[in-house]
Amino acid sequence: MRLLVVEDEQGLADAVADHLRAANHVVDIARTLEDAQAANRVAQYDLILLDLHLPDGDGLALVRDLRNRSVSTPVLIATARDRIMERIEGLEAGADDYLVKPYDLDEMLARITAILRRADSSRASQRKFGPICVVPSAKTVYLDGQLVSLTPKEWAILDRLSRRPGITVAKAEFEEALYGFGREVESNAIEAHVSRLRAKLGRRVIETVRGFGYRMGTG
């Protein structure tokens, strides 16, 4: 999953990002409200971990902007504001959960996992493509009823494709989702992951749309 950490305190932002990356998430960091808004205009995130007290404004402005544009990206607020009315204000603005600083990194990860699980359960519990069955809530895939082992990046590609069957996903979107901003990506990295997925699930599992990207096939 690709996550955005919006936090102006560098030490905390780096610690949070390291903890999330160790759990196989791709993480971008924004230190200001302006940077967070810009990141959301150019990238699609699976969840945003949001501090409210930012150097250039209130983080709730980001939540309200997303919801006003009907963007359903889950938001976990992480802030030192701990009054009940402030929590209610954050949830009513459209946040999905509220975490008070200082917080334990393992609890943060558990809350993020729970939010992502709920988001997955609101979609179809299974996605079927011929002999292939994708189970988002368990991050598993079956071929002819047999469990197939995937790496985190292989799963991320398959998950992104299977969410939008029939829609072509650009190679650049995969690179952003799997590696994040500012990370060096080898020119053939996505092709290599796709090739391994085809070897495990069948040549037709992913169709190449020349000049555009990839779309989900039938396996």
Protein backbone atom coordinates (compact mmCIF):
# COMPACT_ATOMS: atom_id res chain seq x y z
CA MET A 1 0.00 0.00 0.00
CA ARG A 2 1.12 3.56 -0.67
CA LEU A 3 0.75 5.86 2.33
CA LEU A 4 1.28 9.58 2.87
CA VAL A 5 2.66 10.74 6.23
CA VAL A 6 1.89 14.43 6.83
CA GLU A 7 4.11 15.47 9.74
CA ASP A 8 6.34 18.54 10.17
CA GLU A 9 8.50 17.07 12.96
CA GLN A 10 11.31 15.43 10.99
CA GLY A 11 12.39 12.89 13.60
CA LEU A 12 8.86 11.60 14.12
CA ALA A 13 8.10 11.58 10.39
CA ASP A 14 11.23 9.53 9.66
CA ALA A 15 10.51 7.08 12.50
CA VAL A 16 6.93 6.58 11.34
CA ALA A 17 8.01 6.13 7.72
CA ASP A 18 10.66 3.58 8.67
CA HIS A 19 8.13 1.60 10.74
CA LEU A 20 5.61 1.56 7.90
CA ARG A 21 8.22 0.61 5.29
CA ALA A 22 9.28 -2.30 7.50
CA ALA A 23 5.66 -3.48 7.19
CA ASN A 24 6.01 -3.41 3.37
CA HIS A 25 4.21 -0.12 2.77
CA VAL A 26 5.45 2.54 0.34
CA VAL A 27 5.65 5.87 2.17
CA ASP A 28 5.86 9.50 1.08
CA ILE A 29 6.36 12.32 3.59
CA ALA A 30 4.86 15.83 3.43
CA ARG A 31 5.94 18.38 6.03
CA THR A 32 3.45 21.15 5.19
CA LEU A 33 -0.21 21.44 4.25
CA GLU A 34 0.77 22.77 0.84
CA ASP A 35 3.05 19.79 0.19
CA ALA A 36 0.31 17.37 1.29
CA GLN A 37 -2.22 18.97 -1.03
CA ALA A 38 0.25 18.87 -3.91
CA ALA A 39 1.05 15.20 -3.27
CA ASN A 40 -2.65 14.30 -3.35
CA ARG A 41 -3.07 16.03 -6.68
CA VAL A 42 -0.44 13.88 -8.38
CA ALA A 43 -0.61 10.54 -6.54
CA GLN A 44 -3.25 8.08 -5.39
CA TYR A 45 -2.80 7.06 -1.74
CA ASP A 46 -4.32 4.13 0.11
CA LEU A 47 -4.22 6.04 3.42
CA ILE A 48 -3.05 9.37 4.86
CA LEU A 49 -1.57 9.70 8.36
CA LEU A 50 -2.23 13.35 9.16
CA ASP A 51 -0.91 15.75 11.78
CA LEU A 52 -3.22 18.73 12.30
CA HIS A 53 -0.77 21.38 13.51
CA LEU A 54 1.22 22.19 10.36
CA PRO A 55 3.45 25.22 9.72
CA ASP A 56 1.16 26.66 7.05
CA GLY A 57 -2.30 25.68 8.24
CA ASP A 58 -4.69 23.23 9.84
CA GLY A 59 -4.54 19.64 8.60
CA LEU A 60 -8.34 19.46 8.72
CA ALA A 61 -8.33 21.64 5.61
CA LEU A 62 -6.86 18.68 3.73
CA VAL A 63 -9.55 16.32 5.03
CA ARG A 64 -12.34 18.72 4.06
CA ASP A 65 -10.83 19.29 0.62
CA LEU A 66 -10.62 15.56 -0.07
CA ARG A 67 -14.19 14.90 1.06
CA ASN A 68 -15.54 17.91 -0.85
CA ARG A 69 -13.99 16.41 -3.99
CA SER A 70 -15.54 13.01 -3.11
CA VAL A 71 -12.08 11.50 -2.58
CA SER A 72 -12.55 8.55 -0.20
CA THR A 73 -8.89 8.02 0.76
CA PRO A 74 -8.88 6.90 4.44
CA VAL A 75 -7.38 9.44 6.87
CA LEU A 76 -5.92 8.65 10.29
CA ILE A 77 -5.40 11.85 12.28
CA ALA A 78 -2.33 11.77 14.54
CA THR A 79 -2.08 14.89 16.67
CA ALA A 80 -1.47 16.28 20.15
CA ARG A 81 -4.99 17.76 20.18
CA ASP A 82 -6.73 15.47 22.64
CA ARG A 83 -9.90 17.28 23.67
CA ILE A 84 -13.13 15.38 22.96
CA MET A 85 -14.59 18.19 20.86
CA GLU A 86 -11.43 18.30 18.74
CA ARG A 87 -11.68 14.56 18.12
CA ILE A 88 -15.33 14.92 17.16
CA GLU A 89 -14.47 17.80 14.82
CA GLY A 90 -11.85 15.66 13.06
CA LEU A 91 -14.18 12.70 12.63
CA GLU A 92 -17.04 14.89 11.45
CA ALA A 93 -14.73 16.48 8.88
CA GLY A 94 -14.30 13.03 7.35
CA ALA A 95 -11.36 11.39 9.13
CA ASP A 96 -11.59 7.63 9.73
CA ASP A 97 -9.79 7.42 13.08
CA TYR A 98 -7.96 9.58 15.61
CA LEU A 99 -4.63 8.90 17.31
CA VAL A 100 -3.31 11.15 20.09
CA LYS A 101 0.38 12.01 20.43
CA PRO A 102 2.60 10.66 21.80
CA TYR A 103 1.60 7.30 20.36
CA ASP A 104 3.14 3.86 20.09
CA LEU A 105 4.31 2.98 16.58
CA ASP A 106 2.89 -0.54 16.82
CA GLU A 107 -0.52 0.84 17.79
CA MET A 108 -0.32 3.23 14.85
CA LEU A 109 0.42 0.34 12.52
CA ALA A 110 -2.43 -1.71 13.99
CA ARG A 111 -4.89 1.16 13.48
CA ILE A 112 -3.71 1.64 9.90
CA THR A 113 -4.09 -2.08 9.21
CA ALA A 114 -7.61 -2.01 10.65
CA ILE A 115 -8.62 1.00 8.53
CA LEU A 116 -7.22 -0.60 5.37
CA ARG A 117 -9.03 -3.84 6.21
CA ARG A 118 -12.32 -1.99 6.57
CA ALA A 119 -11.72 -0.21 3.27
CA ASP A 120 -11.11 -3.56 1.57
CA SER A 121 -14.19 -5.15 3.13
CA SER A 122 -16.35 -2.35 1.72
CA ARG A 123 -15.32 -3.49 -1.75
CA ALA A 124 -16.03 -6.93 -3.17
CA SER A 125 -14.77 -9.63 -0.79
CA GLN A 126 -13.40 -11.60 -3.74
CA ARG A 127 -12.38 -10.61 -7.25
CA LYS A 128 -12.61 -13.42 -9.79
CA PHE A 129 -10.91 -13.54 -13.18
CA GLY A 130 -11.31 -16.94 -14.80
CA PRO A 131 -9.34 -19.44 -12.68
CA ILE A 132 -7.89 -16.63 -10.53
CA CYS A 133 -9.48 -15.52 -7.25
CA VAL A 134 -8.09 -12.42 -5.52
CA VAL A 135 -8.98 -11.99 -1.82
CA PRO A 136 -8.10 -8.37 -0.85
CA SER A 137 -8.79 -8.67 2.89
CA ALA A 138 -6.22 -11.47 3.25
CA LYS A 139 -3.85 -10.17 0.54
CA THR A 140 -3.95 -13.60 -1.09
CA VAL A 141 -4.57 -15.00 -4.55
CA TYR A 142 -5.65 -18.46 -5.66
CA LEU A 143 -5.16 -20.18 -9.01
CA ASP A 144 -7.57 -23.06 -9.60
CA GLY A 145 -8.20 -23.13 -5.85
CA GLN A 146 -4.52 -23.34 -4.93
CA LEU A 147 -2.86 -20.57 -2.90
CA VAL A 148 -0.11 -18.76 -4.84
CA SER A 149 2.71 -17.03 -2.95
CA LEU A 150 3.41 -13.46 -4.06
CA THR A 151 6.00 -10.91 -2.98
CA PRO A 152 4.70 -7.60 -1.54
CA LYS A 153 5.37 -5.76 -4.81
CA GLU A 154 3.75 -8.51 -6.91
CA TRP A 155 0.70 -8.32 -4.67
CA ALA A 156 0.60 -4.52 -4.95
CA ILE A 157 0.55 -4.72 -8.76
CA LEU A 158 -2.12 -7.42 -8.83
CA ASP A 159 -4.25 -5.59 -6.24
CA ARG A 160 -4.12 -2.32 -8.18
CA LEU A 161 -5.08 -4.01 -11.44
CA SER A 162 -7.83 -6.19 -10.00
CA ARG A 163 -9.51 -3.21 -8.31
CA ARG A 164 -10.27 -1.73 -11.74
CA PRO A 165 -10.87 -4.56 -14.22
CA GLY A 166 -10.93 -3.34 -17.80
CA ILE A 167 -9.06 -0.13 -16.93
CA THR A 168 -5.53 0.37 -18.20
CA VAL A 169 -3.07 1.37 -15.47
CA ALA A 170 -0.03 3.34 -16.61
CA LYS A 171 3.45 2.09 -15.82
CA ALA A 172 4.18 5.41 -14.11
CA GLU A 173 1.29 4.84 -11.68
CA PHE A 174 2.77 1.48 -10.67
CA GLU A 175 6.19 3.08 -10.15
CA GLU A 176 4.66 5.76 -7.90
CA ALA A 177 2.58 3.23 -5.97
CA LEU A 178 5.44 0.77 -5.42
CA TYR A 179 8.39 3.09 -4.88
CA GLY A 180 7.17 6.57 -3.89
CA PHE A 181 8.63 9.99 -4.64
CA GLY A 182 12.36 10.46 -4.88
CA ARG A 183 13.26 6.77 -5.07
CA GLU A 184 15.35 5.43 -7.90
CA VAL A 185 13.44 2.93 -10.03
CA GLU A 186 15.18 0.70 -12.57
CA SER A 187 13.71 1.15 -16.04
CA ASN A 188 12.53 -2.47 -16.30
CA ALA A 189 11.42 -2.96 -12.67
CA ILE A 190 7.68 -3.04 -13.39
CA GLU A 191 8.16 -5.31 -16.40
CA ALA A 192 10.13 -7.73 -14.23
CA HIS A 193 7.37 -7.89 -11.58
CA VAL A 194 4.71 -8.37 -14.27
CA SER A 195 6.76 -11.15 -15.85
CA ARG A 196 6.99 -12.99 -12.52
CA LEU A 197 3.24 -12.59 -11.96
CA ARG A 198 2.57 -14.11 -15.38
CA ALA A 199 4.91 -17.00 -14.58
CA LYS A 200 2.96 -17.71 -11.38
CA LEU A 201 -0.60 -17.05 -12.56
CA GLY A 202 -0.59 -17.55 -16.32
CA ARG A 203 0.43 -15.52 -19.35
CA ARG A 204 -2.99 -13.91 -19.72
CA VAL A 205 -3.34 -12.68 -16.13
CA ILE A 206 -2.01 -9.25 -17.14
CA GLU A 207 -2.52 -7.78 -20.60
CA THR A 208 -0.05 -5.28 -22.03
CA VAL A 209 -1.64 -2.24 -23.67
CA ARG A 210 1.21 -1.01 -25.82
CA GLY A 211 2.12 2.62 -25.27
CA PHE A 212 -0.19 2.91 -22.24
CA GLY A 213 0.39 0.32 -19.53
CA TYR A 214 -1.32 -2.85 -18.24
CA ARG A 215 -4.81 -4.13 -17.46
CA MET A 216 -6.23 -7.17 -15.73
CA GLY A 217 -6.67 -10.24 -17.91
CA THR A 218 -8.33 -13.60 -17.34
CA GLY A 219 -5.38 -15.71 -16.23
